[in-house]
Protein backbone atom coordinates (compact mmCIF):
# COMPACT_ATOMS: atom_id res chain seq x y z
CA MET A 1 -65.99 195.14 230.74
CA ARG A 2 -66.06 193.02 233.87
CA LYS A 3 -68.94 195.05 235.30
CA ILE A 4 -70.93 194.53 232.10
CA PHE A 5 -70.24 190.80 232.20
CA VAL A 6 -71.24 190.44 235.87
CA GLY A 7 -74.52 192.27 235.33
CA LEU A 8 -75.36 190.17 232.28
CA SER A 9 -74.46 186.86 233.91
CA LEU A 10 -76.46 187.60 237.05
CA SER A 11 -79.57 188.55 235.08
CA LEU A 12 -79.32 185.33 233.06
CA THR A 13 -78.80 183.30 236.20
CA LEU A 14 -82.26 184.24 237.51
CA GLY A 15 -83.95 182.83 234.43
CA PHE A 16 -81.88 179.70 234.00
CA THR A 17 -80.27 177.10 236.18
CA PRO A 18 -76.66 178.22 236.86
CA SER A 19 -74.16 176.43 234.59
CA PHE A 20 -70.56 176.66 233.47
CA ALA A 21 -71.37 179.27 230.84
CA LEU A 22 -68.85 180.34 228.24
CA ALA A 23 -69.17 183.92 229.42
CA LEU A 24 -68.12 182.87 232.92
CA GLU A 25 -65.16 181.01 231.47
CA TYR A 26 -64.22 184.07 229.39
CA LYS A 27 -64.01 186.18 232.55
CA SER A 28 -61.96 183.48 234.21
CA GLN A 29 -59.61 183.40 231.22
CA LEU A 30 -59.04 187.14 231.59
CA ASP A 31 -58.01 186.66 235.21
CA LEU A 32 -55.90 183.68 234.24
CA SER A 33 -54.08 185.59 231.48
CA GLN A 34 -52.85 188.10 234.04
CA SER A 35 -51.23 185.28 236.01
CA VAL A 36 -49.75 183.89 232.76
CA ASP A 37 -48.10 187.21 231.88
CA SER A 38 -46.54 187.47 235.33
CA VAL A 39 -44.89 184.07 235.03
CA ALA A 40 -44.02 183.96 231.33
CA GLY A 41 -40.73 185.70 231.86
CA GLU A 42 -39.69 183.33 234.64
CA ASN A 43 -40.22 179.92 233.13
CA ILE A 44 -41.96 178.84 229.94
CA PHE A 45 -42.66 175.42 231.43
CA TYR A 46 -44.86 176.84 234.19
CA THR A 47 -46.63 179.10 231.68
CA LYS A 48 -47.65 176.29 229.33
CA ALA A 49 -48.29 173.76 232.09
CA MET A 50 -50.57 176.23 233.89
CA GLN A 51 -52.63 176.74 230.74
CA LEU A 52 -53.00 172.99 230.23
CA VAL A 53 -53.97 172.34 233.84
CA GLN A 54 -56.58 175.10 233.66
CA GLN A 55 -57.94 173.69 230.40
CA GLN A 56 -58.28 170.27 231.99
CA ILE A 57 -60.13 171.80 234.95
CA TYR A 58 -62.59 173.45 232.55
CA LEU A 59 -62.92 170.23 230.56
CA ILE A 60 -63.83 168.25 233.68
CA ALA A 61 -66.50 170.84 234.53
CA ARG A 62 -67.98 170.63 231.02
CA LEU A 63 -67.95 166.85 231.09
CA GLU A 64 -69.78 166.75 234.42
CA GLN A 65 -72.44 169.07 233.05
CA ALA A 66 -72.80 167.27 229.72
CA LEU A 67 -73.16 163.86 231.36
CA SER A 68 -76.30 164.98 233.23
CA SER A 69 -77.68 167.39 230.62
CA SER A 70 -80.72 166.68 228.48
CA ASP A 71 -79.21 168.67 225.60
CA PRO A 72 -77.27 166.29 223.28
CA ASN A 73 -75.37 169.24 221.80
CA ARG A 74 -73.42 169.58 225.03
CA MET A 75 -72.19 166.01 224.67
CA ARG A 76 -71.32 166.53 221.00
CA SER A 77 -69.33 169.65 221.87
CA VAL A 78 -67.47 168.22 224.82
CA ARG A 79 -66.61 165.07 222.86
CA GLY A 80 -64.64 167.17 220.39
CA GLN A 81 -63.01 169.20 223.15
CA LEU A 82 -61.93 165.99 224.84
CA THR A 83 -60.02 164.98 221.72
CA VAL A 84 -58.43 168.41 221.23
CA TYR A 85 -57.33 168.98 224.83
CA THR A 86 -55.96 165.50 225.46
CA HIS A 87 -53.94 165.80 222.25
CA SER A 88 -52.58 169.20 223.38
CA VAL A 89 -51.41 167.72 226.67
CA GLU A 90 -49.82 164.73 224.94
CA THR A 91 -47.95 167.03 222.54
CA PHE A 92 -46.62 169.15 225.39
CA LEU A 93 -45.47 166.11 227.35
CA LYS A 94 -43.62 164.59 224.40
CA ARG A 95 -41.85 167.86 223.72
CA GLN A 96 -40.39 167.65 227.21
CA TYR A 97 -39.58 163.96 226.98
CA PRO A 98 -40.31 161.49 224.16
CA SER A 99 -41.87 158.82 226.41
CA PRO A 100 -43.93 160.17 229.33
CA LYS A 101 -44.87 156.63 230.37
CA THR A 102 -41.26 155.74 231.10
CA LEU A 103 -40.74 158.94 233.05
CA CYS A 104 -43.78 158.55 235.25
CA THR A 105 -45.12 155.43 236.90
CA ALA A 106 -48.75 154.36 236.59
CA LYS A 107 -49.56 156.09 239.88
CA GLY A 108 -48.14 159.42 238.72
CA GLU A 109 -45.00 159.05 240.82
CA LEU A 110 -41.60 160.02 239.49
CA SER A 111 -39.15 157.61 237.93
CA GLN A 112 -35.78 158.68 239.28
CA GLN A 113 -34.01 156.56 236.68
CA SER A 114 -34.71 159.05 233.89
CA ASP A 115 -31.97 161.25 232.41
CA LEU A 116 -34.35 164.21 232.34
CA THR A 117 -34.47 164.65 236.11
CA VAL A 118 -31.49 167.02 235.97
CA GLN A 119 -33.31 169.38 233.59
CA LEU A 120 -36.53 169.85 235.58
CA THR A 121 -37.01 170.59 239.23
CA ASP A 122 -38.91 168.23 241.53
CA SER A 123 -42.01 170.47 241.37
CA GLN A 124 -41.90 170.55 237.58
CA LEU A 125 -41.58 166.78 237.44
CA GLN A 126 -44.57 166.43 239.74
CA ILE A 127 -46.59 168.72 237.47
CA TYR A 128 -45.41 166.82 234.39
CA CYS A 129 -46.50 163.46 235.78
CA SER A 130 -49.77 164.87 237.12
CA LEU A 131 -50.64 166.16 233.67
CA TYR A 132 -49.85 162.75 232.22
CA ALA A 133 -51.90 160.87 234.83
CA ALA A 134 -54.91 163.20 234.49
CA ASN A 135 -54.72 162.96 230.71
CA GLN A 136 -54.76 159.18 230.87
CA GLU A 137 -57.86 159.30 233.06
CA LEU A 138 -59.67 161.67 230.69
CA LEU A 139 -58.84 159.45 227.70
CA LYS A 140 -60.92 156.71 229.36
CA LEU A 141 -64.02 158.85 228.77
CA SER A 142 -63.80 158.73 224.96
CA PRO A 143 -65.65 155.38 224.62
CA VAL A 144 -68.14 156.49 227.30
CA THR A 145 -69.08 159.66 225.42
CA ASP A 146 -69.28 157.73 222.13
CA ARG A 147 -71.65 155.22 223.74
CA LEU A 148 -73.87 157.98 225.12
CA LEU A 149 -74.01 159.73 221.76
CA SER A 150 -74.87 156.42 220.08
CA ARG A 151 -77.84 155.98 222.42
CA ARG A 152 -79.10 159.42 221.45
CA GLY A 153 -78.89 158.63 217.76
CA GLU A 154 -75.72 160.57 217.01
CA LEU A 155 -73.83 157.50 215.83
CA GLY A 156 -76.87 155.37 215.18
CA LEU A 157 -76.76 156.05 211.43
CA VAL A 158 -73.60 153.96 211.08
CA ARG A 159 -74.22 150.23 211.27
CA LYS A 160 -73.27 146.98 209.52
CA LEU A 161 -75.17 146.10 206.34
CA PRO A 162 -75.56 142.68 204.72
CA LEU A 163 -73.12 141.85 201.93
CA VAL A 164 -74.30 142.44 198.38
CA SER A 165 -73.72 140.10 195.44
CA GLY A 166 -70.00 139.68 194.66
CA GLU A 167 -68.84 141.39 197.87
CA ARG A 168 -66.42 139.76 200.29
CA LYS A 169 -65.89 140.46 203.97
CA SER A 170 -62.28 141.40 203.25
CA ASP A 171 -63.31 144.24 200.92
CA PRO A 172 -62.81 147.71 202.50
CA VAL A 173 -66.23 149.32 202.78
CA ILE A 174 -67.89 152.05 204.84
CA SER A 175 -71.28 150.79 205.91
CA ILE A 176 -73.84 153.56 206.25
CA ALA A 177 -77.50 153.02 206.95
CA PRO A 178 -79.79 153.88 204.03
CA VAL A 179 -81.48 157.25 204.22
CA GLN A 180 -85.27 156.99 204.31
CA ARG A 181 -87.22 159.61 202.42
CA PRO A 182 -89.72 161.51 204.60
CA ASP A 183 -93.41 161.01 203.96
CA LEU A 184 -94.54 164.55 203.11
CA SER A 185 -98.20 163.53 203.17
CA LYS A 186 -98.10 163.23 206.98
CA PRO A 187 -97.67 166.11 209.42
CA ALA A 188 -94.22 166.44 210.95
CA THR A 189 -93.72 165.22 214.49
CA PRO A 190 -92.52 168.12 216.71
CA PHE A 191 -89.23 167.67 218.54
CA ILE A 192 -90.91 168.53 221.81
CA ARG A 193 -94.57 168.91 222.62
CA LYS A 194 -95.61 172.51 223.14
CA GLU A 195 -96.88 173.35 226.57
CA PRO A 196 -98.60 176.48 227.90
CA ASN A 197 -96.80 178.98 230.09
CA LEU A 198 -99.03 178.73 233.15
CA THR A 199 -98.22 181.19 235.94
CA SER A 200 -99.45 179.11 238.86
CA SER A 201 -100.51 175.62 239.84
CA PRO A 202 -104.21 174.72 239.81
CA LEU A 203 -105.99 174.38 243.12
CA PRO A 204 -105.97 170.71 244.15
CA VAL A 205 -109.38 169.18 244.69
CA VAL A 206 -109.41 165.85 246.52
CA GLY A 207 -112.43 163.60 246.34
CA SER A 208 -114.17 165.09 243.29
CA PRO A 209 -113.28 165.56 239.61
CA ALA A 210 -111.88 168.93 238.58
CA LYS A 211 -111.40 170.58 235.21
CA THR A 212 -107.91 171.23 233.96
CA ALA A 213 -106.73 174.52 232.48
CA ILE A 214 -106.60 172.94 229.02
CA ALA A 215 -108.82 170.00 228.10
CA ASN A 216 -107.02 166.66 227.69
CA TYR A 217 -103.65 168.34 228.25
CA LYS A 218 -100.82 166.29 229.71
CA PRO A 219 -97.49 168.04 230.29
CA PRO A 220 -94.47 166.33 228.70
CA ILE A 221 -92.48 164.05 230.98
CA GLN A 222 -89.03 165.43 231.67
CA PRO A 223 -86.13 163.02 231.19
CA ALA A 224 -84.25 161.43 234.09
CA ILE A 225 -80.56 161.27 233.22
CA ALA A 226 -78.15 159.57 235.62
CA PRO A 227 -74.46 159.90 234.66
CA PRO A 228 -72.58 156.58 234.38
CA GLU A 229 -70.79 155.74 237.60
CA GLU A 230 -67.60 154.86 235.72
CA ALA A 231 -67.49 158.35 234.20
CA ILE A 232 -68.10 160.07 237.54
CA SER A 233 -65.35 158.00 239.17
CA THR A 234 -62.91 158.83 236.36
CA LEU A 235 -63.63 162.56 236.59
CA ARG A 236 -63.22 162.47 240.36
CA THR A 237 -59.83 160.80 240.05
CA ALA A 238 -58.65 163.27 237.39
CA ASN A 239 -59.81 166.18 239.51
CA GLN A 240 -57.87 164.93 242.54
CA ILE A 241 -54.72 164.59 240.44
CA LEU A 242 -55.06 168.16 239.16
CA GLN A 243 -55.64 169.50 242.67
CA ALA A 244 -52.36 167.95 243.77
CA ALA A 245 -50.61 169.44 240.71
CA GLN A 246 -51.82 172.96 241.53
CA LYS A 247 -49.92 172.90 244.82
CA ARG A 248 -46.64 172.44 242.90
CA PHE A 249 -46.95 175.75 241.04
CA PRO A 250 -45.46 179.01 242.37
CA ASP A 251 -47.63 180.84 244.88
CA ASN A 252 -48.40 183.71 242.50
CA ILE A 253 -50.17 181.36 240.07
CA LYS A 254 -53.88 181.06 240.81
CA PHE A 255 -56.34 178.69 239.17
CA ILE A 256 -60.06 179.19 238.56
CA ASN A 257 -62.53 176.58 239.76
CA PRO A 258 -65.65 176.78 237.55
CA GLN A 259 -67.73 174.74 240.01
CA GLU A 260 -67.03 177.26 242.77
CA ASP A 261 -67.82 180.18 240.45
CA ALA A 262 -71.12 178.58 239.43
CA ALA A 263 -72.01 177.91 243.07
CA THR A 264 -71.24 181.54 243.94
CA LEU A 265 -73.51 182.81 241.16
CA ASP A 266 -76.21 180.38 242.24
CA ARG A 267 -76.14 181.65 245.82
CA PHE A 268 -76.13 185.25 244.57
CA ALA A 269 -79.23 184.53 242.49
CA TYR A 270 -81.30 182.63 245.07
CA ASP A 271 -79.81 182.93 248.56
CA ILE A 272 -79.27 185.73 251.07
CA ASP A 273 -75.95 187.57 251.32
CA SER A 274 -73.52 186.49 254.00
CA GLN A 275 -73.35 190.11 255.25
CA GLU A 276 -77.07 190.08 255.99
CA LYS A 277 -76.64 187.45 258.67
CA GLN A 278 -73.97 189.62 260.29
CA ILE A 279 -76.16 192.73 260.14
CA TYR A 280 -79.06 191.02 261.93
CA ALA A 281 -76.97 188.73 264.15
CA GLN A 282 -78.44 190.18 267.34
CA PHE A 283 -82.02 189.45 266.24
CA LEU A 284 -81.11 185.97 264.99
CA GLN A 285 -79.88 185.05 268.47
CA LEU A 286 -83.50 185.11 269.68
CA PRO A 287 -85.27 181.71 269.75
CA ASN A 288 -87.52 180.69 266.85
CA THR A 289 -86.15 183.33 264.47
CA GLY A 290 -84.48 183.27 261.08
CA ILE A 291 -83.69 185.11 257.87
CA PHE A 292 -84.85 184.11 254.38
CA ARG A 293 -84.99 185.39 250.81
CA VAL A 294 -88.46 185.31 249.26
CA LEU A 295 -88.02 184.60 245.54
CA PRO A 296 -90.30 185.45 242.59
CA ASP A 297 -92.70 182.77 241.45
CA SER A 298 -90.76 182.43 238.18
CA ALA A 299 -87.76 181.02 240.09
CA TYR A 300 -89.77 177.93 241.05
CA ARG A 301 -91.27 177.30 237.62
CA ARG A 302 -89.54 175.49 234.80
CA ARG A 303 -89.32 177.37 231.53
CA PRO A 304 -91.93 175.93 229.15
CA ASN A 305 -90.97 173.95 226.04
CA THR A 306 -87.53 173.08 227.42
CA LEU A 307 -86.13 169.73 228.44
CA GLN A 308 -84.49 169.44 231.84
CA ASN A 309 -83.05 166.57 233.80
CA ARG A 310 -85.57 165.98 236.57
CA LEU A 311 -82.91 164.27 238.69
CA GLN A 312 -81.11 167.60 239.10
CA PRO A 313 -82.15 169.45 242.28
CA SER A 314 -84.57 172.30 241.66
CA VAL A 315 -84.38 175.75 243.24
CA ILE A 316 -86.83 174.79 245.98
CA GLU A 317 -84.69 171.73 246.75
CA ARG A 318 -81.43 173.69 246.84
CA TYR A 319 -82.90 176.55 248.88
CA PRO A 320 -85.87 175.14 250.82
CA PHE A 321 -88.35 177.23 252.75
CA PRO A 322 -87.34 177.87 256.38
CA SER A 323 -88.54 175.37 258.96
CA VAL A 324 -90.84 176.90 261.59
CA GLY A 325 -91.55 173.88 263.78
CA GLU A 326 -90.56 170.38 264.76
CA GLY A 327 -90.89 167.76 262.06
CA LYS A 328 -92.63 164.41 262.20
CA GLY A 329 -91.14 161.87 259.81
CA ASP A 330 -90.73 163.61 256.46
CA PHE A 331 -93.24 166.34 257.39
CA THR A 332 -91.77 169.65 258.58
CA PRO A 333 -93.79 172.90 258.97
CA SER A 334 -92.30 175.71 256.90
CA LEU A 335 -92.82 179.35 255.98
CA ALA A 336 -93.67 178.80 252.29
CA LEU A 337 -93.58 182.29 250.75
CA LYS A 338 -93.02 183.52 247.20
CA MET A 339 -93.46 186.76 245.26
CA ILE A 340 -96.24 187.28 242.70
CA ASP A 341 -96.53 190.76 241.16
CA ASP A 342 -94.78 192.38 244.15
CA ASN A 343 -97.09 190.59 246.60
CA PHE A 344 -96.11 188.17 249.31
CA GLN A 345 -98.01 184.97 248.54
CA LEU A 346 -98.24 181.69 250.44
CA PHE A 347 -96.92 178.85 248.28
CA PRO A 348 -99.83 176.47 247.47
CA GLN A 349 -98.79 172.89 248.26
CA GLY A 350 -101.34 170.10 248.60
CA ILE A 351 -104.23 171.37 250.71
CA ASP A 352 -102.11 173.80 252.75
CA TYR A 353 -103.47 177.31 253.17
CA GLY A 354 -103.30 180.37 255.40
CA PHE A 355 -103.72 184.13 255.49
CA ILE A 356 -101.49 187.21 255.73
CA VAL A 357 -102.06 190.73 256.98
CA ASN A 358 -99.83 193.81 256.99
CA ILE A 359 -99.68 195.14 260.57
CA GLY A 360 -97.48 198.15 259.78
CA ASP A 361 -94.11 199.24 261.13
CA VAL A 362 -94.06 197.05 264.24
CA PRO A 363 -90.73 195.60 265.45
CA LEU A 364 -90.72 191.83 265.62
CA GLU A 365 -89.31 191.92 269.13
CA LYS A 366 -92.49 193.64 270.42
CA LEU A 367 -94.83 190.86 269.25
CA ASP A 368 -95.83 187.94 271.46
CA GLY A 369 -97.91 184.80 271.19
CA ARG A 370 -101.11 186.55 272.36
CA LEU A 371 -100.76 189.40 269.81
CA GLN A 372 -101.44 192.05 272.46
CA THR A 373 -100.14 194.91 270.30
CA LEU A 374 -102.64 194.30 267.48
CA ASP A 375 -106.18 195.63 267.07
CA LEU A 376 -108.98 193.54 268.54
CA SER A 377 -110.51 192.23 265.27
CA THR A 378 -107.18 191.05 263.84
CA ARG A 379 -106.13 189.46 267.13
CA ASP A 380 -109.42 187.62 267.57
CA PHE A 381 -109.46 186.28 264.03
CA PHE A 382 -105.86 185.04 264.09
CA LEU A 383 -106.30 183.36 267.47
CA ASN A 384 -109.87 182.10 267.19
CA TYR A 385 -110.26 180.92 263.59
CA GLN A 386 -111.00 177.17 263.61
CA PRO A 387 -110.21 175.14 260.49
CA PRO A 388 -112.91 172.65 259.43
CA ARG A 389 -112.46 168.99 260.31
CA GLU A 390 -114.01 167.71 257.07
CA LEU A 391 -111.89 167.59 253.93
CA LYS A 392 -114.47 169.16 251.62
CA ALA A 393 -115.14 172.07 253.97
CA LEU A 394 -111.40 172.51 254.47
CA GLN A 395 -110.87 172.90 250.73
CA VAL A 396 -113.74 175.39 250.55
CA ASP A 397 -112.05 177.57 253.17
CA ARG A 398 -108.77 177.25 251.30
CA ARG A 399 -110.29 178.54 248.08
CA ARG A 400 -111.92 181.41 249.97
CA PHE A 401 -108.61 182.61 251.36
CA ILE A 402 -106.86 182.29 247.99
CA THR A 403 -109.57 184.06 245.96
CA GLY A 404 -111.05 186.35 248.64
CA LYS A 405 -114.59 185.37 247.63
CA SER A 406 -117.54 184.51 249.86
CA GLN A 407 -115.85 185.23 253.18
CA ASN A 408 -118.76 185.13 255.63
CA TRP A 409 -116.91 185.68 258.88
CA GLN A 410 -118.45 189.09 259.62
CA GLN A 411 -115.08 190.81 259.55
CA SER A 412 -114.43 194.32 258.30
CA GLN A 413 -111.16 193.17 256.74
CA ILE A 414 -110.91 190.46 254.10
CA TYR A 415 -108.07 188.07 254.87
CA LEU A 416 -106.18 186.63 251.93
CA SER A 417 -103.23 184.31 251.36
CA GLY A 418 -101.24 187.26 249.99
CA ALA A 419 -100.38 190.87 250.81
CA LYS A 420 -98.69 193.83 249.11
CA ALA A 421 -94.93 193.78 249.75
CA GLU A 422 -93.36 196.83 251.40
CA VAL A 423 -89.94 197.31 252.92
CA ASN A 424 -89.79 197.99 256.68
CA LYS A 425 -93.30 196.61 257.19
CA THR A 426 -94.24 193.67 259.41
CA TYR A 427 -96.65 190.93 258.35
CA LEU A 428 -98.57 188.40 260.37
CA VAL A 429 -99.16 184.92 258.95
CA ARG A 430 -101.23 182.00 260.11
CA SER A 431 -100.16 178.90 258.20
CA LEU A 432 -102.01 175.57 258.22
CA GLN A 433 -100.17 172.65 256.65
CA PHE A 434 -101.13 169.00 256.15
CA GLN A 435 -99.50 165.88 254.77
CA LEU A 436 -102.21 163.75 253.21
CA PRO A 437 -101.49 160.04 252.68
CA GLU A 438 -100.64 159.16 249.09
CA ILE A 439 -103.71 156.93 248.83
CA ILE A 440 -105.78 160.12 249.21
CA SER A 441 -103.72 162.72 247.36
CA GLU A 442 -102.92 160.39 244.44
CA ARG A 443 -106.30 158.61 244.47
CA GLN A 444 -104.64 155.20 244.84
CA PRO A 445 -107.07 152.25 245.10
CA VAL A 446 -107.10 149.95 248.14
CA ARG A 447 -108.57 146.52 247.47
CA ARG A 448 -108.47 144.93 250.92
CA GLN A 449 -108.43 145.66 254.62
CA ASN A 450 -105.18 147.23 255.80
CA SER A 451 -104.65 148.33 259.38
CA ARG A 452 -101.56 150.36 258.48
CA ILE A 453 -103.53 152.46 256.00
CA ARG A 454 -106.30 152.98 258.55
CA GLN A 455 -103.72 154.29 261.00
CA GLN A 456 -102.39 156.71 258.38
CA LEU A 457 -105.87 158.11 257.85
CA THR A 458 -106.33 158.86 261.56
CA GLU A 459 -102.83 160.29 262.17
CA VAL A 460 -102.31 162.89 259.44
CA PRO A 461 -99.23 165.06 260.22
CA SER A 462 -100.27 168.71 260.37
CA SER A 463 -99.36 172.07 261.90
CA ASP A 464 -101.02 175.38 262.72
CA THR A 465 -98.48 178.18 263.21
CA ILE A 466 -98.64 181.94 263.70
CA ILE A 467 -95.55 183.63 262.28
CA ALA A 468 -94.49 187.26 261.96
CA PHE A 469 -92.01 188.42 259.33
CA ARG A 470 -90.54 191.78 258.37
CA ALA A 471 -89.29 192.82 254.93
CA VAL A 472 -85.87 194.45 255.33
CA ARG A 473 -84.56 194.58 251.73
CA ARG A 474 -85.86 194.57 248.17
CA ARG A 475 -83.63 193.45 245.30
CA PRO A 476 -83.78 194.49 241.62
CA ASP A 477 -85.07 191.04 240.62
CA GLY A 478 -88.18 191.51 242.79
CA SER A 479 -87.10 189.25 245.65
CA TYR A 480 -87.17 190.32 249.31
CA THR A 481 -85.02 189.55 252.31
CA ILE A 482 -87.19 188.98 255.38
CA LEU A 483 -86.66 188.35 259.07
CA TRP A 484 -89.15 185.92 260.60
CA ARG A 485 -90.20 184.86 264.07
CA VAL A 486 -92.55 182.10 265.25
CA LEU A 487 -95.05 183.59 267.70
CA ASN A 488 -97.38 180.69 268.50
CA GLN A 489 -97.83 177.00 267.78
CA LEU A 490 -101.56 176.20 267.90
CA PRO A 491 -102.96 172.67 268.25
CA ALA A 492 -102.44 170.64 265.09
CA PRO A 493 -105.68 170.46 263.03
CA GLN A 494 -107.16 167.08 262.17
CA ILE A 495 -109.33 165.73 259.35
CA ASN A 496 -111.93 163.20 260.50
CA ASP A 497 -113.51 161.94 257.27
CA LEU A 498 -110.61 160.76 255.09
CA GLU A 499 -112.02 157.22 254.91
CA LYS A 500 -114.76 158.55 252.63
CA TYR A 501 -112.18 159.33 249.95
CA VAL A 502 -110.44 155.95 249.81
CA ILE A 503 -111.07 153.99 246.62
CA GLY A 504 -111.55 150.32 247.36
CA ASP A 505 -113.43 147.77 249.43
CA TRP A 506 -113.33 148.66 253.14
């Protein structure tokens, strides 16, 4: 059963952002029940207290997720669970002692003046007061969740109405907003605008108008949801209290941390295995080397027709491309690779471009900056290709490498920005990357002279890097583990005519 669950959860993780899924909690509950059975015969207090502490840990995880989720159903669900679980803890505490507040101080410390101290050990009293303190913290979130649901329209139907004839303020009434009948003569407004499932980003064209994939199409703006600071602080405090309580349980009682489980699944879905670094430790000791997992293109694309909180870090933000050179400001050269139909493909960002070639089963250690082990045509092209210094010509070359059309370099081999992926094969990449000023990339107007902007146009951060990488493992999801090595850093290319593309009076 566990094997079936792990396989199912890992396959779902690749398609969705990892979360505290109910399936994951079900597996954790199975592990937890084993610990419960082992302690039930020893002390019923530890058995019930362990279950309540674990429930509060899960509740905190669900609350953290619901507070930053764009799905209002998560908030509706966790609001009900908050009521149920806090009531369960309160019932358990009162069964042990009728007034938990008199037994425990406001800080969760023990009140040694209680008559119950002779019936529970010091560890049990610490657990008792920790449960009480954490429960009091979680109860503070009830008005916060109600307020958030009200903003989303959940409680917006209930409001005060003006008094009718003969009605007094003292009369008991339930004021409910009147229900408006829908106008069936007008088309219904969809809950979310439909958007196409595009497989790749369009090629950026700077300085001239370009057609979009769909005429007059604007993708829906994703919401930006920032959890209230008061709620985050309350959850943090409750979590610290529960962590202290866990240390008071017997050593054979283990608790499950859903955040750690979700992080483990996330790394399994998108990152390399820790054993892989150990396997290739000798190679990784060489300078300018590294190991990276090349993910399918679908991992970097949001699922269409779904709402997501754009403040949450994306896959590319959690697992960025490896750096292959020294950075300048917020510009850092990187090996931007992804998988498309079992092909290694350079990730198109801005006006960056490059080309890849499969050079066969050549160890990375035998390659050098002058590419002496390669055939003459490949070596000459990789070392002697000169990128244009005009923006329009640069974009023309970029489209040629991406599409493979109209390559007039008198070469027997057509160089593309992608290559067929094969295990135990080595690939050579030349990557050219630029960081255009926002006034150019975003077509921002400039209405007056500005020396700072002029300086930005003449000092565009860029890089020109020759990198070799070797595919050492293919996974069932289509991703590859690669070893990479920087072979040569060529002079940074420059663009000399950016002033032509500035909108404004110069």
